[in-house]
Amino acid sequence: MLTTEQIQALIEQEIRALLLDADTGAEQLTIDDELFKFGLNSLMLAQLLIQLEAELGVDPFAEQVSITDVRSIRDLVDAYEQALRTTAGV
């Protein structure tokens, strides 16, 4: 199973890729940053979630977590970590 740090790194990498064309300062992301701080909009968030589901093989928003409860990178990491634990039966 992936560690919290690995999940965080993947999420930050995907956010940076989405914001690559914008001069947003996204290279300085931290786990407590709000998702919309660097200009991530709802369409980009949807793209991010699709990419993360493809890479991690889980959708934490199907049953476990409401997307409206996710505000920061930490919230997103926690949601995916919980979904991966549930999938692994831990």
PDB file of N, CA and C in Angstrom:
ATOM      1  N   MET A   1       0.845  -1.182   0.000  1.00  0.00           N
ATOM      2  CA  MET A   1       0.000   0.000   0.000  1.00  0.00           C
ATOM      3  C   MET A   1       0.890   1.245   0.000  1.00  0.00           C
ATOM      4  N   LEU A   2       0.433   2.264  -0.660  1.00  0.00           N
ATOM      5  CA  LEU A   2       1.185   3.520  -0.725  1.00  0.00           C
ATOM      6  C   LEU A   2       1.204   4.212   0.628  1.00  0.00           C
ATOM      7  N   THR A   3       2.286   4.923   0.881  1.00  0.00           N
ATOM      8  CA  THR A   3       2.385   5.709   2.107  1.00  0.00           C
ATOM      9  C   THR A   3       1.694   7.056   1.912  1.00  0.00           C
ATOM     10  N   THR A   4       1.448   7.733   3.015  1.00  0.00           N
ATOM     11  CA  THR A   4       0.862   9.070   2.962  1.00  0.00           C
ATOM     12  C   THR A   4       1.729   9.984   2.111  1.00  0.00           C
ATOM     13  N   GLU A   5       3.026   9.886   2.274  1.00  0.00           N
ATOM     14  CA  GLU A   5       3.951  10.749   1.522  1.00  0.00           C
ATOM     15  C   GLU A   5       3.882  10.464   0.027  1.00  0.00           C
ATOM     16  N   GLN A   6       3.736   9.203  -0.350  1.00  0.00           N
ATOM     17  CA  GLN A   6       3.641   8.854  -1.761  1.00  0.00           C
ATOM     18  C   GLN A   6       2.335   9.373  -2.370  1.00  0.00           C
ATOM     19  N   ILE A   7       1.242   9.242  -1.621  1.00  0.00           N
ATOM     20  CA  ILE A   7      -0.040   9.757  -2.094  1.00  0.00           C
ATOM     21  C   ILE A   7       0.026  11.274  -2.244  1.00  0.00           C
ATOM     22  N   GLN A   8       0.608  11.941  -1.240  1.00  0.00           N
ATOM     23  CA  GLN A   8       0.753  13.399  -1.297  1.00  0.00           C
ATOM     24  C   GLN A   8       1.589  13.814  -2.494  1.00  0.00           C
ATOM     25  N   ALA A   9       2.709  13.134  -2.722  1.00  0.00           N
ATOM     26  CA  ALA A   9       3.585  13.474  -3.845  1.00  0.00           C
ATOM     27  C   ALA A   9       2.850  13.313  -5.174  1.00  0.00           C
ATOM     28  N   LEU A  10       2.070  12.250  -5.308  1.00  0.00           N
ATOM     29  CA  LEU A  10       1.316  12.026  -6.537  1.00  0.00           C
ATOM     30  C   LEU A  10       0.281  13.129  -6.753  1.00  0.00           C
ATOM     31  N   ILE A  11      -0.448  13.474  -5.700  1.00  0.00           N
ATOM     32  CA  ILE A  11      -1.461  14.530  -5.809  1.00  0.00           C
ATOM     33  C   ILE A  11      -0.812  15.858  -6.183  1.00  0.00           C
ATOM     34  N   GLU A  12       0.278  16.200  -5.514  1.00  0.00           N
ATOM     35  CA  GLU A  12       0.965  17.462  -5.825  1.00  0.00           C
ATOM     36  C   GLU A  12       1.502  17.455  -7.246  1.00  0.00           C
ATOM     37  N   GLN A  13       2.032  16.322  -7.686  1.00  0.00           N
ATOM     38  CA  GLN A  13       2.540  16.206  -9.059  1.00  0.00           C
ATOM     39  C   GLN A  13       1.420  16.437 -10.063  1.00  0.00           C
ATOM     40  N   GLU A  14       0.260  15.845  -9.813  1.00  0.00           N
ATOM     41  CA  GLU A  14      -0.865  15.997 -10.738  1.00  0.00           C
ATOM     42  C   GLU A  14      -1.408  17.427 -10.734  1.00  0.00           C
ATOM     43  N   ILE A  15      -1.446  18.059  -9.579  1.00  0.00           N
ATOM     44  CA  ILE A  15      -1.882  19.458  -9.518  1.00  0.00           C
ATOM     45  C   ILE A  15      -0.916  20.337 -10.301  1.00  0.00           C
ATOM     46  N   ARG A  16       0.377  20.130 -10.113  1.00  0.00           N
ATOM     47  CA  ARG A  16       1.377  20.912 -10.861  1.00  0.00           C
ATOM     48  C   ARG A  16       1.198  20.719 -12.363  1.00  0.00           C
ATOM     49  N   ALA A  17       0.940  19.481 -12.790  1.00  0.00           N
ATOM     50  CA  ALA A  17       0.756  19.208 -14.215  1.00  0.00           C
ATOM     51  C   ALA A  17      -0.464  19.949 -14.757  1.00  0.00           C
ATOM     52  N   LEU A  18      -1.537  19.988 -13.983  1.00  0.00           N
ATOM     53  CA  LEU A  18      -2.735  20.710 -14.414  1.00  0.00           C
ATOM     54  C   LEU A  18      -2.493  22.211 -14.520  1.00  0.00           C
ATOM     55  N   LEU A  19      -1.654  22.727 -13.654  1.00  0.00           N
ATOM     56  CA  LEU A  19      -1.422  24.176 -13.597  1.00  0.00           C
ATOM     57  C   LEU A  19      -0.159  24.601 -14.340  1.00  0.00           C
ATOM     58  N   LEU A  20       0.424  23.683 -15.096  1.00  0.00           N
ATOM     59  CA  LEU A  20       1.694  23.928 -15.770  1.00  0.00           C
ATOM     60  C   LEU A  20       1.692  25.184 -16.633  1.00  0.00           C
ATOM     61  N   ASP A  21       0.614  25.424 -17.344  1.00  0.00           N
ATOM     62  CA  ASP A  21       0.561  26.564 -18.257  1.00  0.00           C
ATOM     63  C   ASP A  21       0.333  27.895 -17.550  1.00  0.00           C
ATOM     64  N   ALA A  22      -0.114  27.839 -16.310  1.00  0.00           N
ATOM     65  CA  ALA A  22      -0.399  29.070 -15.566  1.00  0.00           C
ATOM     66  C   ALA A  22       0.765  29.390 -14.643  1.00  0.00           C
ATOM     67  N   ASP A  23       1.089  30.659 -14.506  1.00  0.00           N
ATOM     68  CA  ASP A  23       2.142  31.086 -13.590  1.00  0.00           C
ATOM     69  C   ASP A  23       1.507  31.269 -12.217  1.00  0.00           C
ATOM     70  N   THR A  24       1.396  30.173 -11.470  1.00  0.00           N
ATOM     71  CA  THR A  24       0.617  30.183 -10.240  1.00  0.00           C
ATOM     72  C   THR A  24       1.442  30.016  -8.982  1.00  0.00           C
ATOM     73  N   GLY A  25       2.713  29.670  -9.104  1.00  0.00           N
ATOM     74  CA  GLY A  25       3.512  29.375  -7.926  1.00  0.00           C
ATOM     75  C   GLY A  25       3.247  27.978  -7.400  1.00  0.00           C
ATOM     76  N   ALA A  26       2.624  27.116  -8.199  1.00  0.00           N
ATOM     77  CA  ALA A  26       2.247  25.776  -7.762  1.00  0.00           C
ATOM     78  C   ALA A  26       3.448  24.898  -7.428  1.00  0.00           C
ATOM     79  N   GLU A  27       4.633  25.314  -7.829  1.00  0.00           N
ATOM     80  CA  GLU A  27       5.820  24.517  -7.484  1.00  0.00           C
ATOM     81  C   GLU A  27       6.081  24.540  -5.982  1.00  0.00           C
ATOM     82  N   GLN A  28       5.424  25.428  -5.266  1.00  0.00           N
ATOM     83  CA  GLN A  28       5.623  25.563  -3.825  1.00  0.00           C
ATOM     84  C   GLN A  28       4.433  25.033  -3.028  1.00  0.00           C
ATOM     85  N   LEU A  29       3.746  24.028  -3.547  1.00  0.00           N
ATOM     86  CA  LEU A  29       2.593  23.447  -2.864  1.00  0.00           C
ATOM     87  C   LEU A  29       2.995  22.859  -1.518  1.00  0.00           C
ATOM     88  N   THR A  30       2.104  22.979  -0.542  1.00  0.00           N
ATOM     89  CA  THR A  30       2.284  22.296   0.736  1.00  0.00           C
ATOM     90  C   THR A  30       0.993  21.539   1.046  1.00  0.00           C
ATOM     91  N   ILE A  31       1.078  20.590   1.930  1.00  0.00           N
ATOM     92  CA  ILE A  31      -0.065  19.720   2.218  1.00  0.00           C
ATOM     93  C   ILE A  31      -1.260  20.484   2.778  1.00  0.00           C
ATOM     94  N   ASP A  32      -1.040  21.616   3.401  1.00  0.00           N
ATOM     95  CA  ASP A  32      -2.148  22.373   3.984  1.00  0.00           C
ATOM     96  C   ASP A  32      -2.712  23.451   3.058  1.00  0.00           C
ATOM     97  N   ASP A  33      -2.191  23.545   1.850  1.00  0.00           N
ATOM     98  CA  ASP A  33      -2.709  24.523   0.899  1.00  0.00           C
ATOM     99  C   ASP A  33      -4.129  24.169   0.472  1.00  0.00           C
ATOM    100  N   GLU A  34      -4.944  25.189   0.341  1.00  0.00           N
ATOM    101  CA  GLU A  34      -6.285  25.022  -0.204  1.00  0.00           C
ATOM    102  C   GLU A  34      -6.150  24.645  -1.675  1.00  0.00           C
ATOM    103  N   LEU A  35      -7.030  23.793  -2.160  1.00  0.00           N
ATOM    104  CA  LEU A  35      -6.952  23.332  -3.542  1.00  0.00           C
ATOM    105  C   LEU A  35      -7.102  24.469  -4.553  1.00  0.00           C
ATOM    106  N   PHE A  36      -7.862  25.489  -4.207  1.00  0.00           N
ATOM    107  CA  PHE A  36      -8.120  26.563  -5.164  1.00  0.00           C
ATOM    108  C   PHE A  36      -7.147  27.734  -5.028  1.00  0.00           C
ATOM    109  N   LYS A  37      -6.186  27.616  -4.116  1.00  0.00           N
ATOM    110  CA  LYS A  37      -5.221  28.688  -3.861  1.00  0.00           C
ATOM    111  C   LYS A  37      -4.429  29.072  -5.111  1.00  0.00           C
ATOM    112  N   PHE A  38      -4.093  28.098  -5.927  1.00  0.00           N
ATOM    113  CA  PHE A  38      -3.245  28.356  -7.087  1.00  0.00           C
ATOM    114  C   PHE A  38      -4.031  28.449  -8.390  1.00  0.00           C
ATOM    115  N   GLY A  39      -5.351  28.601  -8.272  1.00  0.00           N
ATOM    116  CA  GLY A  39      -6.166  28.772  -9.468  1.00  0.00           C
ATOM    117  C   GLY A  39      -6.794  27.495  -9.988  1.00  0.00           C
ATOM    118  N   LEU A  40      -6.766  26.439  -9.204  1.00  0.00           N
ATOM    119  CA  LEU A  40      -7.416  25.197  -9.596  1.00  0.00           C
ATOM    120  C   LEU A  40      -8.926  25.431  -9.604  1.00  0.00           C
ATOM    121  N   ASN A  41      -9.558  25.261 -10.756  1.00  0.00           N
ATOM    122  CA  ASN A  41     -11.001  25.474 -10.839  1.00  0.00           C
ATOM    123  C   ASN A  41     -11.736  24.130 -10.804  1.00  0.00           C
ATOM    124  N   SER A  42     -13.054  24.162 -10.878  1.00  0.00           N
ATOM    125  CA  SER A  42     -13.836  22.931 -10.742  1.00  0.00           C
ATOM    126  C   SER A  42     -13.570  21.946 -11.876  1.00  0.00           C
ATOM    127  N   LEU A  43     -13.341  22.437 -13.080  1.00  0.00           N
ATOM    128  CA  LEU A  43     -13.019  21.551 -14.199  1.00  0.00           C
ATOM    129  C   LEU A  43     -11.665  20.883 -13.969  1.00  0.00           C
ATOM    130  N   MET A  44     -10.692  21.660 -13.510  1.00  0.00           N
ATOM    131  CA  MET A  44      -9.376  21.092 -13.210  1.00  0.00           C
ATOM    132  C   MET A  44      -9.466  20.074 -12.077  1.00  0.00           C
ATOM    133  N   LEU A  45     -10.308  20.360 -11.076  1.00  0.00           N
ATOM    134  CA  LEU A  45     -10.492  19.423  -9.974  1.00  0.00           C
ATOM    135  C   LEU A  45     -11.073  18.116 -10.498  1.00  0.00           C
ATOM    136  N   ALA A  46     -12.040  18.203 -11.391  1.00  0.00           N
ATOM    137  CA  ALA A  46     -12.615  16.993 -11.983  1.00  0.00           C
ATOM    138  C   ALA A  46     -11.545  16.206 -12.741  1.00  0.00           C
ATOM    139  N   GLN A  47     -10.705  16.904 -13.511  1.00  0.00           N
ATOM    140  CA  GLN A  47      -9.616  16.248 -14.235  1.00  0.00           C
ATOM    141  C   GLN A  47      -8.635  15.598 -13.261  1.00  0.00           C
ATOM    142  N   LEU A  48      -8.338  16.286 -12.178  1.00  0.00           N
ATOM    143  CA  LEU A  48      -7.434  15.764 -11.156  1.00  0.00           C
ATOM    144  C   LEU A  48      -7.993  14.464 -10.573  1.00  0.00           C
ATOM    145  N   LEU A  49      -9.268  14.465 -10.226  1.00  0.00           N
ATOM    146  CA  LEU A  49      -9.874  13.278  -9.628  1.00  0.00           C
ATOM    147  C   LEU A  49      -9.917  12.106 -10.601  1.00  0.00           C
ATOM    148  N   ILE A  50     -10.165  12.375 -11.868  1.00  0.00           N
ATOM    149  CA  ILE A  50     -10.145  11.317 -12.887  1.00  0.00           C
ATOM    150  C   ILE A  50      -8.740  10.725 -13.004  1.00  0.00           C
ATOM    151  N   GLN A  51      -7.739  11.580 -13.035  1.00  0.00           N
ATOM    152  CA  GLN A  51      -6.355  11.117 -13.147  1.00  0.00           C
ATOM    153  C   GLN A  51      -5.948  10.318 -11.913  1.00  0.00           C
ATOM    154  N   LEU A  52      -6.313  10.797 -10.730  1.00  0.00           N
ATOM    155  CA  LEU A  52      -5.954  10.091  -9.497  1.00  0.00           C
ATOM    156  C   LEU A  52      -6.661   8.741  -9.404  1.00  0.00           C
ATOM    157  N   GLU A  53      -7.910   8.689  -9.817  1.00  0.00           N
ATOM    158  CA  GLU A  53      -8.617   7.406  -9.808  1.00  0.00           C
ATOM    159  C   GLU A  53      -7.952   6.418 -10.762  1.00  0.00           C
ATOM    160  N   ALA A  54      -7.526   6.897 -11.921  1.00  0.00           N
ATOM    161  CA  ALA A  54      -6.843   6.027 -12.879  1.00  0.00           C
ATOM    162  C   ALA A  54      -5.522   5.512 -12.311  1.00  0.00           C
ATOM    163  N   GLU A  55      -4.790   6.362 -11.622  1.00  0.00           N
ATOM    164  CA  GLU A  55      -3.481   5.976 -11.102  1.00  0.00           C
ATOM    165  C   GLU A  55      -3.563   5.166  -9.816  1.00  0.00           C
ATOM    166  N   LEU A  56      -4.525   5.504  -8.947  1.00  0.00           N
ATOM    167  CA  LEU A  56      -4.608   4.843  -7.645  1.00  0.00           C
ATOM    168  C   LEU A  56      -5.625   3.707  -7.614  1.00  0.00           C
ATOM    169  N   GLY A  57      -6.524   3.678  -8.581  1.00  0.00           N
ATOM    170  CA  GLY A  57      -7.491   2.593  -8.676  1.00  0.00           C
ATOM    171  C   GLY A  57      -8.637   2.665  -7.676  1.00  0.00           C
ATOM    172  N   VAL A  58      -8.833   3.825  -7.066  1.00  0.00           N
ATOM    173  CA  VAL A  58      -9.935   3.998  -6.118  1.00  0.00           C
ATOM    174  C   VAL A  58     -10.605   5.351  -6.338  1.00  0.00           C
ATOM    175  N   ASP A  59     -11.883   5.391  -5.956  1.00  0.00           N
ATOM    176  CA  ASP A  59     -12.643   6.641  -5.993  1.00  0.00           C
ATOM    177  C   ASP A  59     -13.201   6.880  -4.600  1.00  0.00           C
ATOM    178  N   PRO A  60     -12.525   7.696  -3.787  1.00  0.00           N
ATOM    179  CA  PRO A  60     -12.986   7.910  -2.416  1.00  0.00           C
ATOM    180  C   PRO A  60     -14.308   8.655  -2.329  1.00  0.00           C
ATOM    181  N   PHE A  61     -14.762   9.215  -3.434  1.00  0.00           N
ATOM    182  CA  PHE A  61     -15.979  10.013  -3.422  1.00  0.00           C
ATOM    183  C   PHE A  61     -17.200   9.209  -3.840  1.00  0.00           C
ATOM    184  N   ALA A  62     -17.001   7.921  -4.133  1.00  0.00           N
ATOM    185  CA  ALA A  62     -18.121   7.057  -4.489  1.00  0.00           C
ATOM    186  C   ALA A  62     -18.992   6.798  -3.261  1.00  0.00           C
ATOM    187  N   GLU A  63     -18.353   6.589  -2.110  1.00  0.00           N
ATOM    188  CA  GLU A  63     -19.112   6.276  -0.902  1.00  0.00           C
ATOM    189  C   GLU A  63     -18.525   6.888   0.362  1.00  0.00           C
ATOM    190  N   GLN A  64     -17.220   6.912   0.493  1.00  0.00           N
ATOM    191  CA  GLN A  64     -16.589   7.267   1.762  1.00  0.00           C
ATOM    192  C   GLN A  64     -16.653   8.750   2.108  1.00  0.00           C
ATOM    193  N   VAL A  65     -16.374   9.619   1.163  1.00  0.00           N
ATOM    194  CA  VAL A  65     -16.168  11.037   1.440  1.00  0.00           C
ATOM    195  C   VAL A  65     -16.986  11.872   0.455  1.00  0.00           C
ATOM    196  N   SER A  66     -17.477  12.995   0.930  1.00  0.00           N
ATOM    197  CA  SER A  66     -18.149  13.945   0.041  1.00  0.00           C
ATOM    198  C   SER A  66     -17.108  14.916  -0.505  1.00  0.00           C
ATOM    199  N   ILE A  67     -17.136  15.155  -1.789  1.00  0.00           N
ATOM    200  CA  ILE A  67     -16.171  16.069  -2.403  1.00  0.00           C
ATOM    201  C   ILE A  67     -16.277  17.462  -1.796  1.00  0.00           C
ATOM    202  N   THR A  68     -17.439  17.817  -1.287  1.00  0.00           N
ATOM    203  CA  THR A  68     -17.596  19.144  -0.693  1.00  0.00           C
ATOM    204  C   THR A  68     -16.855  19.281   0.630  1.00  0.00           C
ATOM    205  N   ASP A  69     -16.442  18.156   1.220  1.00  0.00           N
ATOM    206  CA  ASP A  69     -15.663  18.192   2.458  1.00  0.00           C
ATOM    207  C   ASP A  69     -14.170  18.371   2.204  1.00  0.00           C
ATOM    208  N   VAL A  70     -13.762  18.290   0.953  1.00  0.00           N
ATOM    209  CA  VAL A  70     -12.348  18.372   0.597  1.00  0.00           C
ATOM    210  C   VAL A  70     -11.997  19.808   0.233  1.00  0.00           C
ATOM    211  N   ARG A  71     -11.160  20.411   1.044  1.00  0.00           N
ATOM    212  CA  ARG A  71     -10.756  21.802   0.826  1.00  0.00           C
ATOM    213  C   ARG A  71      -9.255  21.943   0.545  1.00  0.00           C
ATOM    214  N   SER A  72      -8.459  21.067   1.147  1.00  0.00           N
ATOM    215  CA  SER A  72      -7.004  21.212   1.053  1.00  0.00           C
ATOM    216  C   SER A  72      -6.376  19.947   0.463  1.00  0.00           C
ATOM    217  N   ILE A  73      -5.110  20.060   0.157  1.00  0.00           N
ATOM    218  CA  ILE A  73      -4.368  18.892  -0.313  1.00  0.00           C
ATOM    219  C   ILE A  73      -4.393  17.812   0.765  1.00  0.00           C
ATOM    220  N   ARG A  74      -4.275  18.196   2.033  1.00  0.00           N
ATOM    221  CA  ARG A  74      -4.326  17.229   3.135  1.00  0.00           C
ATOM    222  C   ARG A  74      -5.661  16.468   3.123  1.00  0.00           C
ATOM    223  N   ASP A  75      -6.768  17.176   2.910  1.00  0.00           N
ATOM    224  CA  ASP A  75      -8.080  16.520   2.848  1.00  0.00           C
ATOM    225  C   ASP A  75      -8.119  15.491   1.718  1.00  0.00           C
ATOM    226  N   LEU A  76      -7.540  15.854   0.588  1.00  0.00           N
ATOM    227  CA  LEU A  76      -7.510  14.959  -0.565  1.00  0.00           C
ATOM    228  C   LEU A  76      -6.636  13.739  -0.275  1.00  0.00           C
ATOM    229  N   VAL A  77      -5.482  13.970   0.322  1.00  0.00           N
ATOM    230  CA  VAL A  77      -4.595  12.863   0.700  1.00  0.00           C
ATOM    231  C   VAL A  77      -5.318  11.933   1.662  1.00  0.00           C
ATOM    232  N   ASP A  78      -5.964  12.492   2.678  1.00  0.00           N
ATOM    233  CA  ASP A  78      -6.684  11.681   3.662  1.00  0.00           C
ATOM    234  C   ASP A  78      -7.789  10.857   3.002  1.00  0.00           C
ATOM    235  N   ALA A  79      -8.512  11.458   2.061  1.00  0.00           N
ATOM    236  CA  ALA A  79      -9.598  10.748   1.376  1.00  0.00           C
ATOM    237  C   ALA A  79      -9.064   9.551   0.599  1.00  0.00           C
ATOM    238  N   TYR A  80      -7.974   9.756  -0.130  1.00  0.00           N
ATOM    239  CA  TYR A  80      -7.405   8.650  -0.909  1.00  0.00           C
ATOM    240  C   TYR A  80      -6.759   7.609  -0.001  1.00  0.00           C
ATOM    241  N   GLU A  81      -6.136   8.042   1.054  1.00  0.00           N
ATOM    242  CA  GLU A  81      -5.529   7.102   2.001  1.00  0.00           C
ATOM    243  C   GLU A  81      -6.619   6.213   2.619  1.00  0.00           C
ATOM    244  N   GLN A  82      -7.716   6.805   3.026  1.00  0.00           N
ATOM    245  CA  GLN A  82      -8.828   6.046   3.600  1.00  0.00           C
ATOM    246  C   GLN A  82      -9.404   5.070   2.577  1.00  0.00           C
ATOM    247  N   ALA A  83      -9.586   5.520   1.349  1.00  0.00           N
ATOM    248  CA  ALA A  83     -10.132   4.647   0.304  1.00  0.00           C
ATOM    249  C   ALA A  83      -9.194   3.484   0.010  1.00  0.00           C
ATOM    250  N   LEU A  84      -7.899   3.750  -0.006  1.00  0.00           N
ATOM    251  CA  LEU A  84      -6.940   2.668  -0.264  1.00  0.00           C
ATOM    252  C   LEU A  84      -6.923   1.669   0.882  1.00  0.00           C
ATOM    253  N   ARG A  85      -7.037   2.153   2.121  1.00  0.00           N
ATOM    254  CA  ARG A  85      -7.100   1.239   3.275  1.00  0.00           C
ATOM    255  C   ARG A  85      -8.348   0.373   3.198  1.00  0.00           C
ATOM    256  N   THR A  86      -9.478   0.977   2.846  1.00  0.00           N
ATOM    257  CA  THR A  86     -10.732   0.238   2.740  1.00  0.00           C
ATOM    258  C   THR A  86     -10.632  -0.827   1.649  1.00  0.00           C
ATOM    259  N   THR A  87     -10.058  -0.462   0.524  1.00  0.00           N
ATOM    260  CA  THR A  87      -9.899  -1.396  -0.590  1.00  0.00           C
ATOM    261  C   THR A  87      -8.974  -2.550  -0.212  1.00  0.00           C
ATOM    262  N   ALA A  88      -7.929  -2.235   0.570  1.00  0.00           N
ATOM    263  CA  ALA A  88      -6.973  -3.264   0.974  1.00  0.00           C
ATOM    264  C   ALA A  88      -7.487  -4.093   2.155  1.00  0.00           C
ATOM    265  N   GLY A  89      -8.609  -3.668   2.735  1.00  0.00           N
ATOM    266  CA  GLY A  89      -9.172  -4.387   3.868  1.00  0.00           C
ATOM    267  C   GLY A  89      -8.435  -4.177   5.162  1.00  0.00           C
ATOM    268  N   VAL A  90      -7.747  -3.038   5.272  1.00  0.00           N
ATOM    269  CA  VAL A  90      -6.981  -2.724   6.478  1.00  0.00           C
ATOM    270  C   VAL A  90      -7.838  -1.945   7.450  1.00  0.00           C
TER     271      VAL A  90
END
